[in-house]
């Protein structure tokens, strides 16, 4: 795997060993970030189920201000730390070794807010209502939630999110969600 664009363009990153982690392919990341290009500069990024960290590291390379990477796998955590060091992003990336629920609680307690949230859970997880409800307090105004999922299969999300864009490349599907206007007024 490699970083597709930005300050770390062409630099290689590693994926954790084994089959527990499914890294986002370079071509999918390139197409996804082409859709997000106006949203990335200076963004605060949260990467739940981060695996190797490829999505958040790509965002940092393209000008995101900060990224928090979360995964419960020790192998993924060690891989993230190595990739962060290799790319020189230690001052802009934080890696958390914990379950997503604990990470969300910690980040809420710190008062963190994010412009981009990547949700790349195992493909068998097609119901993201719990995750998206939990991250609500972490979302900045006009935040985007980007879910990677199995292509052409419906993903369950709370009704106060709408799909702004949806694309698929082979087996991989990506949907970009935004909160509805009503939910911003405190009526989710």
Protein backbone atom coordinates (compact mmCIF):
# COMPACT_ATOMS: atom_id res chain seq x y z
CA UNK A 1 0.00 0.00 0.00
CA UNK A 2 1.06 3.56 -0.58
CA UNK A 3 -0.11 7.09 0.14
CA UNK A 4 -1.80 8.30 -3.03
CA UNK A 5 -1.40 12.08 -2.84
CA UNK A 6 -0.20 15.02 -0.78
CA UNK A 7 2.99 15.57 1.20
CA UNK A 8 3.62 11.82 1.67
CA UNK A 9 2.64 10.87 -1.89
CA UNK A 10 4.12 7.57 -3.04
CA UNK A 11 5.37 6.60 0.45
CA UNK A 12 4.68 3.00 1.42
CA UNK A 13 2.65 2.04 4.46
CA UNK A 14 2.22 -1.39 5.95
CA UNK A 15 -0.91 -3.37 6.81
CA UNK A 16 -1.21 -5.51 9.92
CA UNK A 17 -0.40 -9.19 9.35
CA UNK A 18 -3.24 -11.70 9.07
CA UNK A 19 -6.77 -11.48 7.74
CA UNK A 20 -8.42 -9.56 10.59
CA UNK A 21 -7.77 -6.23 8.87
CA UNK A 22 -8.93 -5.39 5.35
CA UNK A 23 -6.97 -2.35 4.13
CA UNK A 24 -8.70 0.10 1.81
CA UNK A 25 -7.22 -0.37 -1.65
CA UNK A 26 -5.15 2.47 -3.13
CA UNK A 27 -7.60 3.01 -6.02
CA UNK A 28 -10.58 3.18 -3.64
CA UNK A 29 -8.75 5.69 -1.41
CA UNK A 30 -7.82 7.77 -4.45
CA UNK A 31 -11.43 7.90 -5.67
CA UNK A 32 -12.79 8.54 -2.18
CA UNK A 33 -10.41 11.42 -1.54
CA UNK A 34 -11.21 12.91 -4.94
CA UNK A 35 -14.81 13.14 -3.66
CA UNK A 36 -13.62 14.65 -0.35
CA UNK A 37 -10.89 16.97 -1.63
CA UNK A 38 -12.57 20.23 -0.54
CA UNK A 39 -13.33 18.85 2.95
CA UNK A 40 -9.87 17.57 3.92
CA UNK A 41 -7.62 20.65 4.36
CA UNK A 42 -7.40 21.61 8.06
CA UNK A 43 -9.94 18.90 9.01
CA UNK A 44 -9.97 17.12 12.34
CA UNK A 45 -10.27 13.39 11.49
CA UNK A 46 -11.54 10.43 13.50
CA UNK A 47 -10.81 6.97 12.10
CA UNK A 48 -12.78 4.26 13.96
CA UNK A 49 -11.86 0.66 13.07
CA UNK A 50 -8.67 2.22 11.66
CA UNK A 51 -6.69 -0.93 10.85
CA UNK A 52 -3.46 0.24 9.23
CA UNK A 53 -4.63 3.86 9.42
CA UNK A 54 -4.53 4.25 5.63
CA UNK A 55 -7.61 6.51 5.47
CA UNK A 56 -6.54 8.95 8.18
CA UNK A 57 -2.90 8.93 7.03
CA UNK A 58 -4.07 9.78 3.51
CA UNK A 59 -6.10 12.65 5.00
CA UNK A 60 -3.06 13.94 6.90
CA UNK A 61 -0.96 13.77 3.73
CA UNK A 62 -3.62 15.86 1.98
CA UNK A 63 -3.64 18.58 4.63
CA UNK A 64 -5.85 17.44 7.51
CA UNK A 65 -4.79 19.12 10.74
CA UNK A 66 -5.07 16.15 13.11
CA UNK A 67 -6.21 12.51 13.12
CA UNK A 68 -7.22 10.12 15.88
CA UNK A 69 -6.94 6.45 14.90
CA UNK A 70 -8.86 3.84 16.91
CA UNK A 71 -8.63 0.05 16.77
CA UNK A 72 -8.93 -2.73 19.34
CA UNK A 73 -6.36 -4.96 17.63
CA UNK A 74 -2.83 -4.81 19.05
CA UNK A 75 -1.40 -5.74 15.62
CA UNK A 76 -3.33 -2.87 13.98
CA UNK A 77 -2.22 -0.46 16.73
CA UNK A 78 1.45 -1.39 16.28
CA UNK A 79 1.10 -1.06 12.50
CA UNK A 80 -0.52 2.37 12.87
CA UNK A 81 2.26 3.58 15.16
CA UNK A 82 4.91 2.36 12.71
CA UNK A 83 3.13 4.00 9.75
CA UNK A 84 2.76 7.28 11.67
CA UNK A 85 6.50 7.28 12.46
CA UNK A 86 7.46 6.32 8.88
CA UNK A 87 5.46 9.24 7.48
CA UNK A 88 6.61 11.71 10.14
CA UNK A 89 3.07 12.45 11.39
CA UNK A 90 3.78 11.95 15.13
CA UNK A 91 2.78 15.53 15.94
CA UNK A 92 -0.56 15.27 14.10
CA UNK A 93 -1.72 11.68 14.72
CA UNK A 94 -2.88 9.93 17.86
CA UNK A 95 -3.40 6.17 17.94
CA UNK A 96 -5.72 4.60 20.54
CA UNK A 97 -5.67 0.87 21.34
CA UNK A 98 -9.24 0.26 22.57
CA UNK A 99 -12.77 -0.69 21.58
CA UNK A 100 -14.61 1.99 19.65
CA UNK A 101 -17.13 2.59 22.47
CA UNK A 102 -14.41 3.38 24.99
CA UNK A 103 -12.65 5.66 22.49
CA UNK A 104 -15.86 7.60 21.78
CA UNK A 105 -16.41 8.05 25.53
CA UNK A 106 -12.82 9.27 26.01
CA UNK A 107 -13.04 11.70 23.08
CA UNK A 108 -16.42 13.05 24.26
CA UNK A 109 -14.92 13.58 27.72
CA UNK A 110 -12.08 15.58 26.19
CA UNK A 111 -14.52 17.69 24.18
CA UNK A 112 -13.00 16.68 20.83
CA UNK A 113 -14.93 17.50 17.63
CA UNK A 114 -14.30 16.09 14.18
CA UNK A 115 -14.96 17.26 10.64
CA UNK A 116 -14.45 13.84 9.03
CA UNK A 117 -15.24 10.48 10.63
CA UNK A 118 -14.20 7.30 8.85
CA UNK A 119 -16.17 4.17 9.75
CA UNK A 120 -14.54 1.14 8.14
CA UNK A 121 -15.83 -1.77 10.23
CA UNK A 122 -15.74 -5.42 9.16
CA UNK A 123 -18.01 -5.83 6.11
CA UNK A 124 -20.35 -8.09 8.07
CA UNK A 125 -21.34 -5.02 10.13
CA UNK A 126 -24.17 -3.56 8.06
CA UNK A 127 -25.96 -1.89 11.00
CA UNK A 128 -24.11 1.30 11.98
CA UNK A 129 -26.89 2.90 14.04
CA UNK A 130 -25.13 2.40 17.40
CA UNK A 131 -21.82 3.78 16.11
CA UNK A 132 -23.41 6.79 14.41
CA UNK A 133 -25.61 7.61 17.42
CA UNK A 134 -22.56 7.39 19.69
CA UNK A 135 -20.44 9.79 17.62
CA UNK A 136 -23.08 12.55 17.45
CA UNK A 137 -21.47 14.65 20.22
CA UNK A 138 -18.14 14.42 18.38
CA UNK A 139 -19.38 15.88 15.10
CA UNK A 140 -18.41 19.42 14.17
CA UNK A 141 -20.80 21.58 12.15
CA UNK A 142 -21.07 20.25 8.58
CA UNK A 143 -19.18 17.07 9.56
CA UNK A 144 -19.13 14.12 7.18
CA UNK A 145 -19.28 10.46 8.20
CA UNK A 146 -17.71 8.18 5.60
CA UNK A 147 -18.72 4.52 5.84
CA UNK A 148 -16.96 1.79 3.90
CA UNK A 149 -19.11 -1.29 3.38
CA UNK A 150 -19.87 -4.15 1.05
CA UNK A 151 -21.02 -2.74 -2.29
CA UNK A 152 -24.69 -2.86 -3.22
CA UNK A 153 -25.81 -3.86 0.27
CA UNK A 154 -27.90 -1.50 2.39
CA UNK A 155 -26.33 -0.05 5.53
CA UNK A 156 -28.61 0.82 8.44
CA UNK A 157 -28.00 4.33 9.84
CA UNK A 158 -30.06 6.66 12.05
CA UNK A 159 -32.80 8.53 10.19
CA UNK A 160 -31.21 11.92 10.94
CA UNK A 161 -28.26 11.14 8.62
CA UNK A 162 -28.69 11.31 4.87
CA UNK A 163 -26.47 9.84 2.18
CA UNK A 164 -24.84 12.75 0.39
CA UNK A 165 -22.79 10.58 -2.00
CA UNK A 166 -22.52 6.87 -2.65
CA UNK A 167 -20.06 5.00 -4.86
CA UNK A 168 -18.82 1.45 -5.33
CA UNK A 169 -15.68 -0.04 -6.79
CA UNK A 170 -15.93 -3.79 -7.20
CA UNK A 171 -16.74 -5.35 -3.82
CA UNK A 172 -16.17 -2.10 -1.90
CA UNK A 173 -18.88 0.50 -1.36
CA UNK A 174 -18.51 3.93 0.24
CA UNK A 175 -21.31 6.17 1.47
CA UNK A 176 -20.75 9.73 2.67
CA UNK A 177 -23.32 10.84 5.26
CA UNK A 178 -24.20 14.23 6.66
CA UNK A 179 -26.64 15.18 9.42
CA UNK A 180 -30.01 16.50 8.32
CA UNK A 181 -30.81 20.16 9.01
CA UNK A 182 -33.42 19.14 11.63
CA UNK A 183 -30.84 17.24 13.67
CA UNK A 184 -28.62 20.35 13.81
CA UNK A 185 -31.54 22.14 15.47
CA UNK A 186 -31.52 19.55 18.27
CA UNK A 187 -34.31 17.39 16.81
CA UNK A 188 -32.64 14.13 15.70
